[in-house]
Amino acid sequence: MKLWMKVAFSLALMALLLWKVDLQQILAAFAATNLNLWLAAFVLFLMQQVLVTYCWQILLAAHHSAPPFIKTLEVHCVGSFFGTFLPTSVAMDVIRAYRLGRYLKHRVDAAGSLFVTRVIGFLVIFMLALIVAIPVSRALQEARLFWLVLAGLVAFITAVSVLLQKNAAGLLQTALQRLGLNSLADKIAGFRASILVYGQSRRALLLLLALTWLYQILGIFIIYLVGRSLGIELAIWHYFIYIPLITTIALLPVSLAGLGIREGAFVFFFAQAGVAQAQALSLSLMIFAQSVALALLGGLWYLLAKEQLEKSRPAESGQTTQVIPKESF
């Protein structure tokens, strides 16, 4: 799907939502926001970014290829700056893997470790939803809720299994080689090999799994706090059900950074629990505002790091200081 089509689709969805939801109600929801709660949620959000970076660092350190933690954190934040407005959140991870790969002996290790981190993250968030769905579906006598979450979990596990399956990978490599894309085929083979190597680090994986549970629970609690700041009086278990589904839907590569799809999903799911459309849409936009704030902090970090790099390059004696070429993201 071309970029202009994704932009058009996002704009169309946002226009439709704003047409259906009274703009005055959205503005009123923003005006009534409890700033103390929102700021508390934002501080937790920043702490969550440190935690997810540490999760990434664990895998890198398991194979003695980790740069200093502060460098990995810089890559994570700067990646947010360059990736927030790209067509998909996957593109943000591509940027992070590319930047971190410059500090590793084997560049593919950056992508492999990040992929494993993300897979475990999604696995945990689906498991959280499934655990909550069991008692909730019984209490509400709504079995479809449980089966919906279970179907999402099974679909995710199946997709990852197929992706890493040796025969499937071999077919893809063969197809690329026949098209003359030998270099790409080799990179995919190296990427798969890197993932499998990380999968053998059981101690690191167990620690990563434990921290990922904390990370995902913290993420849902952050969204819950933002909801409370907007006056949404909703039990937290609703968030444990809806957020995994919304997160998955927002990954679909049909809009610009999930914009429009994510907001529509928030409105749809939270409306099932009786939340006003204006409040649900405001919740999504406030969550997106956190990501934008992180992106701006990442941009500031990028500029400061770039300036420091230029100052650290001494000019050769007797020569005019060279102009430092601009760093490509």
C-alpha atoms as a PDB file:
ATOM      1  CA  MET A   1       0.000   0.000   0.000  1.00  0.00           C
ATOM      2  CA  LYS A   2       1.500   3.323  -1.098  1.00  0.00           C
ATOM      3  CA  LEU A   3       2.296   6.060   1.406  1.00  0.00           C
ATOM      4  CA  TRP A   4      -0.182   8.558  -0.035  1.00  0.00           C
ATOM      5  CA  MET A   5      -2.935   5.956   0.250  1.00  0.00           C
ATOM      6  CA  LYS A   6      -2.078   5.371   3.917  1.00  0.00           C
ATOM      7  CA  VAL A   7      -2.110   9.116   4.599  1.00  0.00           C
ATOM      8  CA  ALA A   8      -5.441   9.471   2.804  1.00  0.00           C
ATOM      9  CA  PHE A   9      -6.887   6.513   4.712  1.00  0.00           C
ATOM     10  CA  SER A  10      -5.754   7.936   8.067  1.00  0.00           C
ATOM     11  CA  LEU A  11      -7.168  11.362   7.249  1.00  0.00           C
ATOM     12  CA  ALA A  12     -10.444   9.838   6.084  1.00  0.00           C
ATOM     13  CA  LEU A  13     -10.810   7.789   9.268  1.00  0.00           C
ATOM     14  CA  MET A  14      -9.988  10.763  11.490  1.00  0.00           C
ATOM     15  CA  ALA A  15     -12.435  12.948   9.557  1.00  0.00           C
ATOM     16  CA  LEU A  16     -15.140  10.302   9.970  1.00  0.00           C
ATOM     17  CA  LEU A  17     -14.491  10.017  13.704  1.00  0.00           C
ATOM     18  CA  LEU A  18     -14.505  13.783  14.192  1.00  0.00           C
ATOM     19  CA  TRP A  19     -17.712  13.989  12.163  1.00  0.00           C
ATOM     20  CA  LYS A  20     -19.417  11.341  14.306  1.00  0.00           C
ATOM     21  CA  VAL A  21     -18.067  12.669  17.601  1.00  0.00           C
ATOM     22  CA  ASP A  22     -18.915  16.185  18.716  1.00  0.00           C
ATOM     23  CA  LEU A  23     -15.688  18.211  18.576  1.00  0.00           C
ATOM     24  CA  GLN A  24     -16.887  20.369  21.459  1.00  0.00           C
ATOM     25  CA  GLN A  25     -17.144  17.268  23.641  1.00  0.00           C
ATOM     26  CA  ILE A  26     -13.565  16.296  22.770  1.00  0.00           C
ATOM     27  CA  LEU A  27     -12.307  19.780  23.641  1.00  0.00           C
ATOM     28  CA  ALA A  28     -14.309  19.674  26.867  1.00  0.00           C
ATOM     29  CA  ALA A  29     -12.712  16.318  27.740  1.00  0.00           C
ATOM     30  CA  PHE A  30      -9.244  17.776  27.160  1.00  0.00           C
ATOM     31  CA  ALA A  31     -10.072  20.869  29.221  1.00  0.00           C
ATOM     32  CA  ALA A  32     -11.266  18.728  32.135  1.00  0.00           C
ATOM     33  CA  THR A  33      -8.120  16.566  32.152  1.00  0.00           C
ATOM     34  CA  ASN A  34      -6.558  15.993  35.556  1.00  0.00           C
ATOM     35  CA  LEU A  35      -3.017  17.134  34.754  1.00  0.00           C
ATOM     36  CA  ASN A  36      -1.515  15.554  37.863  1.00  0.00           C
ATOM     37  CA  LEU A  37      -2.751  12.118  36.815  1.00  0.00           C
ATOM     38  CA  TRP A  38      -1.646  12.659  33.218  1.00  0.00           C
ATOM     39  CA  LEU A  39       1.836  13.773  34.301  1.00  0.00           C
ATOM     40  CA  ALA A  40       2.101  10.768  36.623  1.00  0.00           C
ATOM     41  CA  ALA A  41       1.182   8.549  33.680  1.00  0.00           C
ATOM     42  CA  PHE A  42       3.796  10.268  31.511  1.00  0.00           C
ATOM     43  CA  VAL A  43       6.545   9.760  34.108  1.00  0.00           C
ATOM     44  CA  LEU A  44       5.616   6.070  34.248  1.00  0.00           C
ATOM     45  CA  PHE A  45       5.670   6.036  30.448  1.00  0.00           C
ATOM     46  CA  LEU A  46       9.258   7.318  30.454  1.00  0.00           C
ATOM     47  CA  MET A  47      10.199   4.690  33.032  1.00  0.00           C
ATOM     48  CA  GLN A  48       8.593   2.093  30.787  1.00  0.00           C
ATOM     49  CA  GLN A  49      10.900   3.144  27.942  1.00  0.00           C
ATOM     50  CA  VAL A  50      13.927   2.569  30.174  1.00  0.00           C
ATOM     51  CA  LEU A  51      12.546  -0.851  31.087  1.00  0.00           C
ATOM     52  CA  VAL A  52      11.937  -1.956  27.495  1.00  0.00           C
ATOM     53  CA  THR A  53      15.428  -0.774  26.555  1.00  0.00           C
ATOM     54  CA  TYR A  54      16.848  -2.870  29.374  1.00  0.00           C
ATOM     55  CA  CYS A  55      14.906  -5.866  28.026  1.00  0.00           C
ATOM     56  CA  TRP A  56      16.626  -5.344  24.680  1.00  0.00           C
ATOM     57  CA  GLN A  57      19.980  -4.975  26.422  1.00  0.00           C
ATOM     58  CA  ILE A  58      19.533  -8.320  28.191  1.00  0.00           C
ATOM     59  CA  LEU A  59      19.532 -10.257  24.929  1.00  0.00           C
ATOM     60  CA  LEU A  60      22.458  -8.310  23.516  1.00  0.00           C
ATOM     61  CA  ALA A  61      24.488  -8.881  26.685  1.00  0.00           C
ATOM     62  CA  ALA A  62      23.705 -12.610  26.604  1.00  0.00           C
ATOM     63  CA  HIS A  63      25.852 -12.855  23.482  1.00  0.00           C
ATOM     64  CA  HIS A  64      28.466 -10.324  24.590  1.00  0.00           C
ATOM     65  CA  SER A  65      27.466  -7.856  21.885  1.00  0.00           C
ATOM     66  CA  ALA A  66      25.820  -5.138  23.953  1.00  0.00           C
ATOM     67  CA  PRO A  67      26.985  -1.520  23.692  1.00  0.00           C
ATOM     68  CA  PRO A  68      26.778   0.651  26.841  1.00  0.00           C
ATOM     69  CA  PHE A  69      23.187   0.820  28.130  1.00  0.00           C
ATOM     70  CA  ILE A  70      23.020   4.589  27.651  1.00  0.00           C
ATOM     71  CA  LYS A  71      23.810   4.081  23.953  1.00  0.00           C
ATOM     72  CA  THR A  72      21.017   1.514  23.590  1.00  0.00           C
ATOM     73  CA  LEU A  73      18.638   3.921  25.344  1.00  0.00           C
ATOM     74  CA  GLU A  74      19.727   6.697  22.989  1.00  0.00           C
ATOM     75  CA  VAL A  75      19.020   4.465  19.984  1.00  0.00           C
ATOM     76  CA  HIS A  76      15.582   3.614  21.387  1.00  0.00           C
ATOM     77  CA  CYS A  77      14.617   7.259  21.957  1.00  0.00           C
ATOM     78  CA  VAL A  78      16.105   8.575  18.711  1.00  0.00           C
ATOM     79  CA  GLY A  79      14.306   5.768  16.892  1.00  0.00           C
ATOM     80  CA  SER A  80      11.064   7.120  18.340  1.00  0.00           C
ATOM     81  CA  PHE A  81      11.882  10.543  16.895  1.00  0.00           C
ATOM     82  CA  PHE A  82      12.445   9.240  13.379  1.00  0.00           C
ATOM     83  CA  GLY A  83       9.810   6.526  13.486  1.00  0.00           C
ATOM     84  CA  THR A  84       6.745   8.043  15.137  1.00  0.00           C
ATOM     85  CA  PHE A  85       5.272   9.348  11.902  1.00  0.00           C
ATOM     86  CA  LEU A  86       6.381   6.552   9.605  1.00  0.00           C
ATOM     87  CA  PRO A  87       3.692   4.375   7.966  1.00  0.00           C
ATOM     88  CA  THR A  88       3.891   1.581  10.588  1.00  0.00           C
ATOM     89  CA  SER A  89       5.348   1.046  14.049  1.00  0.00           C
ATOM     90  CA  VAL A  90       7.407  -1.761  12.506  1.00  0.00           C
ATOM     91  CA  ALA A  91       9.333   0.928  10.600  1.00  0.00           C
ATOM     92  CA  MET A  92      10.322   2.458  13.937  1.00  0.00           C
ATOM     93  CA  ASP A  93      11.898  -0.828  14.989  1.00  0.00           C
ATOM     94  CA  VAL A  94      13.702  -1.059  11.646  1.00  0.00           C
ATOM     95  CA  ILE A  95      15.289   2.328  12.346  1.00  0.00           C
ATOM     96  CA  ARG A  96      16.282   1.275  15.854  1.00  0.00           C
ATOM     97  CA  ALA A  97      17.839  -1.955  14.605  1.00  0.00           C
ATOM     98  CA  TYR A  98      19.704  -0.068  11.868  1.00  0.00           C
ATOM     99  CA  ARG A  99      21.131   2.519  14.253  1.00  0.00           C
ATOM    100  CA  LEU A 100      22.130   0.023  16.931  1.00  0.00           C
ATOM    101  CA  GLY A 101      23.657  -2.288  14.329  1.00  0.00           C
ATOM    102  CA  ARG A 102      26.374   0.295  13.737  1.00  0.00           C
ATOM    103  CA  TYR A 103      27.706  -0.369  17.237  1.00  0.00           C
ATOM    104  CA  LEU A 104      27.694  -4.178  16.970  1.00  0.00           C
ATOM    105  CA  LYS A 105      30.134  -6.614  15.424  1.00  0.00           C
ATOM    106  CA  HIS A 106      27.287  -8.332  13.593  1.00  0.00           C
ATOM    107  CA  ARG A 107      24.631  -5.818  12.534  1.00  0.00           C
ATOM    108  CA  VAL A 108      21.987  -8.520  12.176  1.00  0.00           C
ATOM    109  CA  ASP A 109      22.142  -9.120  15.949  1.00  0.00           C
ATOM    110  CA  ALA A 110      20.382  -5.793  16.506  1.00  0.00           C
ATOM    111  CA  ALA A 111      17.403  -6.842  14.381  1.00  0.00           C
ATOM    112  CA  GLY A 112      17.334 -10.387  15.755  1.00  0.00           C
ATOM    113  CA  SER A 113      17.378  -9.303  19.395  1.00  0.00           C
ATOM    114  CA  LEU A 114      14.736  -6.636  18.804  1.00  0.00           C
ATOM    115  CA  PHE A 115      12.498  -9.154  17.015  1.00  0.00           C
ATOM    116  CA  VAL A 116      12.728 -11.605  19.939  1.00  0.00           C
ATOM    117  CA  THR A 117      11.955  -8.785  22.381  1.00  0.00           C
ATOM    118  CA  ARG A 118       8.886  -7.765  20.393  1.00  0.00           C
ATOM    119  CA  VAL A 119       7.602 -11.337  19.971  1.00  0.00           C
ATOM    120  CA  ILE A 120       7.812 -11.978  23.706  1.00  0.00           C
ATOM    121  CA  GLY A 121       6.117  -8.634  24.334  1.00  0.00           C
ATOM    122  CA  PHE A 122       3.125  -9.498  22.156  1.00  0.00           C
ATOM    123  CA  LEU A 123       2.967 -13.026  23.556  1.00  0.00           C
ATOM    124  CA  VAL A 124       2.754 -11.665  27.097  1.00  0.00           C
ATOM    125  CA  ILE A 125       0.118  -9.065  26.296  1.00  0.00           C
ATOM    126  CA  PHE A 126      -2.097 -11.712  24.657  1.00  0.00           C
ATOM    127  CA  MET A 127      -1.587 -14.016  27.641  1.00  0.00           C
ATOM    128  CA  LEU A 128      -2.590 -11.176  29.957  1.00  0.00           C
ATOM    129  CA  ALA A 129      -5.747 -10.623  27.945  1.00  0.00           C
ATOM    130  CA  LEU A 130      -6.525 -14.341  27.996  1.00  0.00           C
ATOM    131  CA  ILE A 131      -6.074 -14.591  31.781  1.00  0.00           C
ATOM    132  CA  VAL A 132      -8.439 -11.670  32.326  1.00  0.00           C
ATOM    133  CA  ALA A 133     -10.911 -12.904  29.701  1.00  0.00           C
ATOM    134  CA  ILE A 134     -11.584 -16.199  31.527  1.00  0.00           C
ATOM    135  CA  PRO A 135     -13.292 -14.777  34.655  1.00  0.00           C
ATOM    136  CA  VAL A 136     -14.737 -11.787  32.811  1.00  0.00           C
ATOM    137  CA  SER A 137     -16.434 -13.882  30.110  1.00  0.00           C
ATOM    138  CA  ARG A 138     -17.949 -16.069  32.832  1.00  0.00           C
ATOM    139  CA  ALA A 139     -19.164 -13.094  34.856  1.00  0.00           C
ATOM    140  CA  LEU A 140     -20.699 -11.432  31.805  1.00  0.00           C
ATOM    141  CA  GLN A 141     -21.861 -14.747  30.339  1.00  0.00           C
ATOM    142  CA  GLU A 142     -20.180 -13.704  27.095  1.00  0.00           C
ATOM    143  CA  ALA A 143     -18.085 -16.619  25.837  1.00  0.00           C
ATOM    144  CA  ARG A 144     -17.261 -14.815  22.584  1.00  0.00           C
ATOM    145  CA  LEU A 145     -14.930 -12.501  24.496  1.00  0.00           C
ATOM    146  CA  PHE A 146     -12.739 -15.415  25.581  1.00  0.00           C
ATOM    147  CA  TRP A 147     -12.723 -17.026  22.130  1.00  0.00           C
ATOM    148  CA  LEU A 148     -11.854 -13.717  20.461  1.00  0.00           C
ATOM    149  CA  VAL A 149      -8.749 -13.263  22.628  1.00  0.00           C
ATOM    150  CA  LEU A 150      -7.786 -16.928  22.242  1.00  0.00           C
ATOM    151  CA  ALA A 151      -8.114 -16.653  18.458  1.00  0.00           C
ATOM    152  CA  GLY A 152      -5.791 -13.644  18.481  1.00  0.00           C
ATOM    153  CA  LEU A 153      -3.209 -15.521  20.556  1.00  0.00           C
ATOM    154  CA  VAL A 154      -3.343 -18.611  18.327  1.00  0.00           C
ATOM    155  CA  ALA A 155      -3.084 -16.485  15.170  1.00  0.00           C
ATOM    156  CA  PHE A 156      -0.031 -14.671  16.545  1.00  0.00           C
ATOM    157  CA  ILE A 157       1.769 -17.875  17.580  1.00  0.00           C
ATOM    158  CA  THR A 158       0.963 -19.451  14.213  1.00  0.00           C
ATOM    159  CA  ALA A 159       2.294 -16.456  12.283  1.00  0.00           C
ATOM    160  CA  VAL A 160       5.586 -16.409  14.216  1.00  0.00           C
ATOM    161  CA  SER A 161       5.975 -20.192  13.902  1.00  0.00           C
ATOM    162  CA  VAL A 162       5.467 -20.064  10.143  1.00  0.00           C
ATOM    163  CA  LEU A 163       7.906 -17.172   9.851  1.00  0.00           C
ATOM    164  CA  LEU A 164      10.649 -19.101  11.652  1.00  0.00           C
ATOM    165  CA  GLN A 165       9.836 -22.514  10.183  1.00  0.00           C
ATOM    166  CA  LYS A 166      12.805 -23.866   8.242  1.00  0.00           C
ATOM    167  CA  ASN A 167      10.859 -24.936   5.144  1.00  0.00           C
ATOM    168  CA  ALA A 168       9.017 -21.613   4.890  1.00  0.00           C
ATOM    169  CA  ALA A 169      12.278 -19.683   5.254  1.00  0.00           C
ATOM    170  CA  GLY A 170      13.889 -21.928   2.640  1.00  0.00           C
ATOM    171  CA  LEU A 171      11.084 -21.323   0.156  1.00  0.00           C
ATOM    172  CA  LEU A 172      11.387 -17.566   0.647  1.00  0.00           C
ATOM    173  CA  GLN A 173      15.160 -17.655   0.159  1.00  0.00           C
ATOM    174  CA  THR A 174      14.821 -19.772  -2.980  1.00  0.00           C
ATOM    175  CA  ALA A 175      12.241 -17.393  -4.422  1.00  0.00           C
ATOM    176  CA  LEU A 176      14.474 -14.385  -3.751  1.00  0.00           C
ATOM    177  CA  GLN A 177      17.506 -16.100  -5.275  1.00  0.00           C
ATOM    178  CA  ARG A 178      15.557 -16.899  -8.438  1.00  0.00           C
ATOM    179  CA  LEU A 179      14.677 -13.226  -8.665  1.00  0.00           C
ATOM    180  CA  GLY A 180      18.370 -12.371  -8.420  1.00  0.00           C
ATOM    181  CA  LEU A 181      18.024 -10.976  -4.893  1.00  0.00           C
ATOM    182  CA  ASN A 182      20.817 -13.077  -3.418  1.00  0.00           C
ATOM    183  CA  SER A 183      21.949 -10.368  -1.010  1.00  0.00           C
ATOM    184  CA  LEU A 184      18.456 -10.019   0.467  1.00  0.00           C
ATOM    185  CA  ALA A 185      18.144 -13.814   0.713  1.00  0.00           C
ATOM    186  CA  ASP A 186      21.431 -13.972   2.647  1.00  0.00           C
ATOM    187  CA  LYS A 187      20.293 -11.217   5.014  1.00  0.00           C
ATOM    188  CA  ILE A 188      17.039 -13.035   5.734  1.00  0.00           C
ATOM    189  CA  ALA A 189      18.987 -16.243   6.422  1.00  0.00           C
ATOM    190  CA  GLY A 190      21.286 -14.359   8.798  1.00  0.00           C
ATOM    191  CA  PHE A 191      18.299 -12.717  10.491  1.00  0.00           C
ATOM    192  CA  ARG A 192      16.624 -16.079  11.101  1.00  0.00           C
ATOM    193  CA  ALA A 193      19.886 -17.588  12.368  1.00  0.00           C
ATOM    194  CA  SER A 194      20.328 -14.681  14.788  1.00  0.00           C
ATOM    195  CA  ILE A 195      16.811 -15.163  16.160  1.00  0.00           C
ATOM    196  CA  LEU A 196      17.394 -18.880  16.706  1.00  0.00           C
ATOM    197  CA  VAL A 197      20.675 -18.184  18.508  1.00  0.00           C
ATOM    198  CA  TYR A 198      18.956 -15.779  20.892  1.00  0.00           C
ATOM    199  CA  GLY A 199      16.312 -18.424  21.462  1.00  0.00           C
ATOM    200  CA  GLN A 200      18.995 -20.660  22.987  1.00  0.00           C
ATOM    201  CA  SER A 201      19.810 -18.159  25.751  1.00  0.00           C
ATOM    202  CA  ARG A 202      17.385 -19.620  28.282  1.00  0.00           C
ATOM    203  CA  ARG A 203      18.509 -17.595  31.282  1.00  0.00           C
ATOM    204  CA  ALA A 204      18.286 -14.338  29.356  1.00  0.00           C
ATOM    205  CA  LEU A 205      14.903 -15.332  27.925  1.00  0.00           C
ATOM    206  CA  LEU A 206      13.489 -16.130  31.375  1.00  0.00           C
ATOM    207  CA  LEU A 207      14.634 -12.754  32.715  1.00  0.00           C
ATOM    208  CA  LEU A 208      13.286 -11.066  29.598  1.00  0.00           C
ATOM    209  CA  LEU A 209       9.947 -12.847  30.030  1.00  0.00           C
ATOM    210  CA  ALA A 210       9.643 -11.732  33.666  1.00  0.00           C
ATOM    211  CA  LEU A 211      10.480  -8.108  32.850  1.00  0.00           C
ATOM    212  CA  THR A 212       8.146  -8.151  29.860  1.00  0.00           C
ATOM    213  CA  TRP A 213       5.243  -9.078  32.126  1.00  0.00           C
ATOM    214  CA  LEU A 214       6.119  -6.049  34.245  1.00  0.00           C
ATOM    215  CA  TYR A 215       6.488  -3.863  31.150  1.00  0.00           C
ATOM    216  CA  GLN A 216       3.114  -4.839  29.669  1.00  0.00           C
ATOM    217  CA  ILE A 217       1.225  -4.559  32.955  1.00  0.00           C
ATOM    218  CA  LEU A 218       2.811  -1.145  33.473  1.00  0.00           C
ATOM    219  CA  GLY A 219       1.776  -0.105  29.956  1.00  0.00           C
ATOM    220  CA  ILE A 220      -1.859  -1.012  30.562  1.00  0.00           C
ATOM    221  CA  PHE A 221      -1.795   0.735  33.943  1.00  0.00           C
ATOM    222  CA  ILE A 222      -0.435   3.866  32.240  1.00  0.00           C
ATOM    223  CA  ILE A 223      -3.364   3.890  29.804  1.00  0.00           C
ATOM    224  CA  TYR A 224      -5.721   3.288  32.724  1.00  0.00           C
ATOM    225  CA  LEU A 225      -4.245   6.340  34.496  1.00  0.00           C
ATOM    226  CA  VAL A 226      -4.696   8.460  31.381  1.00  0.00           C
ATOM    227  CA  GLY A 227      -8.299   7.266  31.225  1.00  0.00           C
ATOM    228  CA  ARG A 228      -8.842   8.276  34.835  1.00  0.00           C
ATOM    229  CA  SER A 229      -7.297  11.672  34.103  1.00  0.00           C
ATOM    230  CA  LEU A 230     -10.043  12.120  31.495  1.00  0.00           C
ATOM    231  CA  GLY A 231     -12.736  11.093  33.961  1.00  0.00           C
ATOM    232  CA  ILE A 232     -13.295   7.606  32.511  1.00  0.00           C
ATOM    233  CA  GLU A 233     -14.651   5.553  35.430  1.00  0.00           C
ATOM    234  CA  LEU A 234     -13.959   2.090  34.072  1.00  0.00           C
ATOM    235  CA  ALA A 235     -12.603  -0.985  35.862  1.00  0.00           C
ATOM    236  CA  ILE A 236      -9.025  -1.770  34.893  1.00  0.00           C
ATOM    237  CA  TRP A 237      -9.902  -5.264  33.628  1.00  0.00           C
ATOM    238  CA  HIS A 238     -11.539  -3.650  30.584  1.00  0.00           C
ATOM    239  CA  TYR A 239      -8.130  -2.267  29.637  1.00  0.00           C
ATOM    240  CA  PHE A 240      -6.520  -5.694  29.943  1.00  0.00           C
ATOM    241  CA  ILE A 241      -9.014  -6.981  27.380  1.00  0.00           C
ATOM    242  CA  TYR A 242      -9.147  -4.055  24.955  1.00  0.00           C
ATOM    243  CA  ILE A 243      -5.539  -2.834  24.813  1.00  0.00           C
ATOM    244  CA  PRO A 244      -4.044  -6.054  23.349  1.00  0.00           C
ATOM    245  CA  LEU A 245      -6.709  -6.048  20.641  1.00  0.00           C
ATOM    246  CA  ILE A 246      -6.231  -2.345  19.892  1.00  0.00           C
ATOM    247  CA  THR A 247      -2.447  -2.773  19.808  1.00  0.00           C
ATOM    248  CA  THR A 248      -2.751  -5.571  17.270  1.00  0.00           C
ATOM    249  CA  ILE A 249      -5.214  -3.671  15.078  1.00  0.00           C
ATOM    250  CA  ALA A 250      -2.987  -0.567  15.088  1.00  0.00           C
ATOM    251  CA  LEU A 251      -0.143  -2.639  13.604  1.00  0.00           C
ATOM    252  CA  LEU A 252      -2.053  -3.202  10.358  1.00  0.00           C
ATOM    253  CA  PRO A 253      -0.020  -1.454   7.608  1.00  0.00           C
ATOM    254  CA  VAL A 254      -2.961   0.400   6.101  1.00  0.00           C
ATOM    255  CA  SER A 255      -2.614   3.807   7.771  1.00  0.00           C
ATOM    256  CA  LEU A 256       0.042   6.320   8.804  1.00  0.00           C
ATOM    257  CA  ALA A 257       1.535   5.104  12.114  1.00  0.00           C
ATOM    258  CA  GLY A 258      -1.811   3.530  13.004  1.00  0.00           C
ATOM    259  CA  LEU A 259      -3.459   6.965  13.066  1.00  0.00           C
ATOM    260  CA  GLY A 260      -7.187   6.683  12.535  1.00  0.00           C
ATOM    261  CA  ILE A 261      -7.289   2.903  12.956  1.00  0.00           C
ATOM    262  CA  ARG A 262      -6.083   3.147  16.556  1.00  0.00           C
ATOM    263  CA  GLU A 263      -8.561   5.907  17.364  1.00  0.00           C
ATOM    264  CA  GLY A 264     -11.414   3.999  15.728  1.00  0.00           C
ATOM    265  CA  ALA A 265     -10.498   0.879  17.707  1.00  0.00           C
ATOM    266  CA  PHE A 266     -10.483   2.836  20.970  1.00  0.00           C
ATOM    267  CA  VAL A 267     -13.926   4.259  20.201  1.00  0.00           C
ATOM    268  CA  PHE A 268     -15.333   0.863  19.163  1.00  0.00           C
ATOM    269  CA  PHE A 269     -14.047  -1.230  22.071  1.00  0.00           C
ATOM    270  CA  PHE A 270     -14.531   1.282  24.868  1.00  0.00           C
ATOM    271  CA  ALA A 271     -18.038   2.044  23.628  1.00  0.00           C
ATOM    272  CA  GLN A 272     -18.851  -1.603  24.438  1.00  0.00           C
ATOM    273  CA  ALA A 273     -18.231  -0.730  28.089  1.00  0.00           C
ATOM    274  CA  GLY A 274     -20.394   2.388  27.952  1.00  0.00           C
ATOM    275  CA  VAL A 275     -17.625   4.982  27.541  1.00  0.00           C
ATOM    276  CA  ALA A 276     -18.688   8.062  25.587  1.00  0.00           C
ATOM    277  CA  GLN A 277     -17.199   8.277  22.100  1.00  0.00           C
ATOM    278  CA  ALA A 278     -15.645  11.670  22.830  1.00  0.00           C
ATOM    279  CA  GLN A 279     -13.877  10.313  25.917  1.00  0.00           C
ATOM    280  CA  ALA A 280     -12.641   7.198  24.098  1.00  0.00           C
ATOM    281  CA  LEU A 281     -11.281   9.272  21.220  1.00  0.00           C
ATOM    282  CA  SER A 282      -9.680  11.700  23.666  1.00  0.00           C
ATOM    283  CA  LEU A 283      -8.028   8.767  25.452  1.00  0.00           C
ATOM    284  CA  SER A 284      -6.449   7.561  22.220  1.00  0.00           C
ATOM    285  CA  LEU A 285      -5.210  11.043  21.335  1.00  0.00           C
ATOM    286  CA  MET A 286      -3.732  11.549  24.808  1.00  0.00           C
ATOM    287  CA  ILE A 287      -1.865   8.245  24.516  1.00  0.00           C
ATOM    288  CA  PHE A 288      -0.581   9.324  21.112  1.00  0.00           C
ATOM    289  CA  ALA A 289       0.508  12.629  22.688  1.00  0.00           C
ATOM    290  CA  GLN A 290       2.801  10.657  25.005  1.00  0.00           C
ATOM    291  CA  SER A 291       4.457   9.034  21.993  1.00  0.00           C
ATOM    292  CA  VAL A 292       4.880  12.426  20.334  1.00  0.00           C
ATOM    293  CA  ALA A 293       6.445  13.822  23.517  1.00  0.00           C
ATOM    294  CA  LEU A 294       8.881  10.887  23.586  1.00  0.00           C
ATOM    295  CA  ALA A 295       9.676  11.507  19.925  1.00  0.00           C
ATOM    296  CA  LEU A 296      10.473  15.159  20.677  1.00  0.00           C
ATOM    297  CA  LEU A 297      12.748  14.134  23.544  1.00  0.00           C
ATOM    298  CA  GLY A 298      14.420  11.670  21.188  1.00  0.00           C
ATOM    299  CA  GLY A 299      14.906  14.426  18.632  1.00  0.00           C
ATOM    300  CA  LEU A 300      16.514  16.656  21.252  1.00  0.00           C
ATOM    301  CA  TRP A 301      18.808  13.799  22.297  1.00  0.00           C
ATOM    302  CA  TYR A 302      19.756  13.254  18.651  1.00  0.00           C
ATOM    303  CA  LEU A 303      20.694  16.907  18.183  1.00  0.00           C
ATOM    304  CA  LEU A 304      22.704  17.031  21.416  1.00  0.00           C
ATOM    305  CA  ALA A 305      24.537  13.794  20.584  1.00  0.00           C
ATOM    306  CA  LYS A 306      25.268  15.030  17.079  1.00  0.00           C
ATOM    307  CA  GLU A 307      26.602  18.346  18.385  1.00  0.00           C
ATOM    308  CA  GLN A 308      28.780  16.525  20.921  1.00  0.00           C
ATOM    309  CA  LEU A 309      30.127  14.279  18.160  1.00  0.00           C
ATOM    310  CA  GLU A 310      31.070  17.258  16.025  1.00  0.00           C
ATOM    311  CA  LYS A 311      32.841  18.965  18.933  1.00  0.00           C
ATOM    312  CA  SER A 312      34.795  15.809  19.740  1.00  0.00           C
ATOM    313  CA  ARG A 313      36.335  15.664  16.264  1.00  0.00           C
ATOM    314  CA  PRO A 314      39.456  17.828  16.485  1.00  0.00           C
ATOM    315  CA  ALA A 315      40.406  19.857  13.460  1.00  0.00           C
ATOM    316  CA  GLU A 316      43.709  18.899  11.901  1.00  0.00           C
ATOM    317  CA  SER A 317      46.489  21.375  12.683  1.00  0.00           C
ATOM    318  CA  GLY A 318      47.110  23.920   9.972  1.00  0.00           C
ATOM    319  CA  GLN A 319      43.861  23.065   8.211  1.00  0.00           C
ATOM    320  CA  THR A 320      40.422  24.495   8.242  1.00  0.00           C
ATOM    321  CA  THR A 321      37.974  22.421  10.235  1.00  0.00           C
ATOM    322  CA  GLN A 322      36.167  20.027   7.954  1.00  0.00           C
ATOM    323  CA  VAL A 323      32.451  20.233   7.599  1.00  0.00           C
ATOM    324  CA  ILE A 324      30.993  17.164   9.278  1.00  0.00           C
ATOM    325  CA  PRO A 325      28.628  15.392   6.916  1.00  0.00           C
ATOM    326  CA  LYS A 326      25.125  15.071   8.218  1.00  0.00           C
ATOM    327  CA  GLU A 327      24.383  11.796   9.938  1.00  0.00           C
ATOM    328  CA  SER A 328      21.799   9.726   8.155  1.00  0.00           C
ATOM    329  CA  PHE A 329      19.114   8.917  10.687  1.00  0.00           C
END
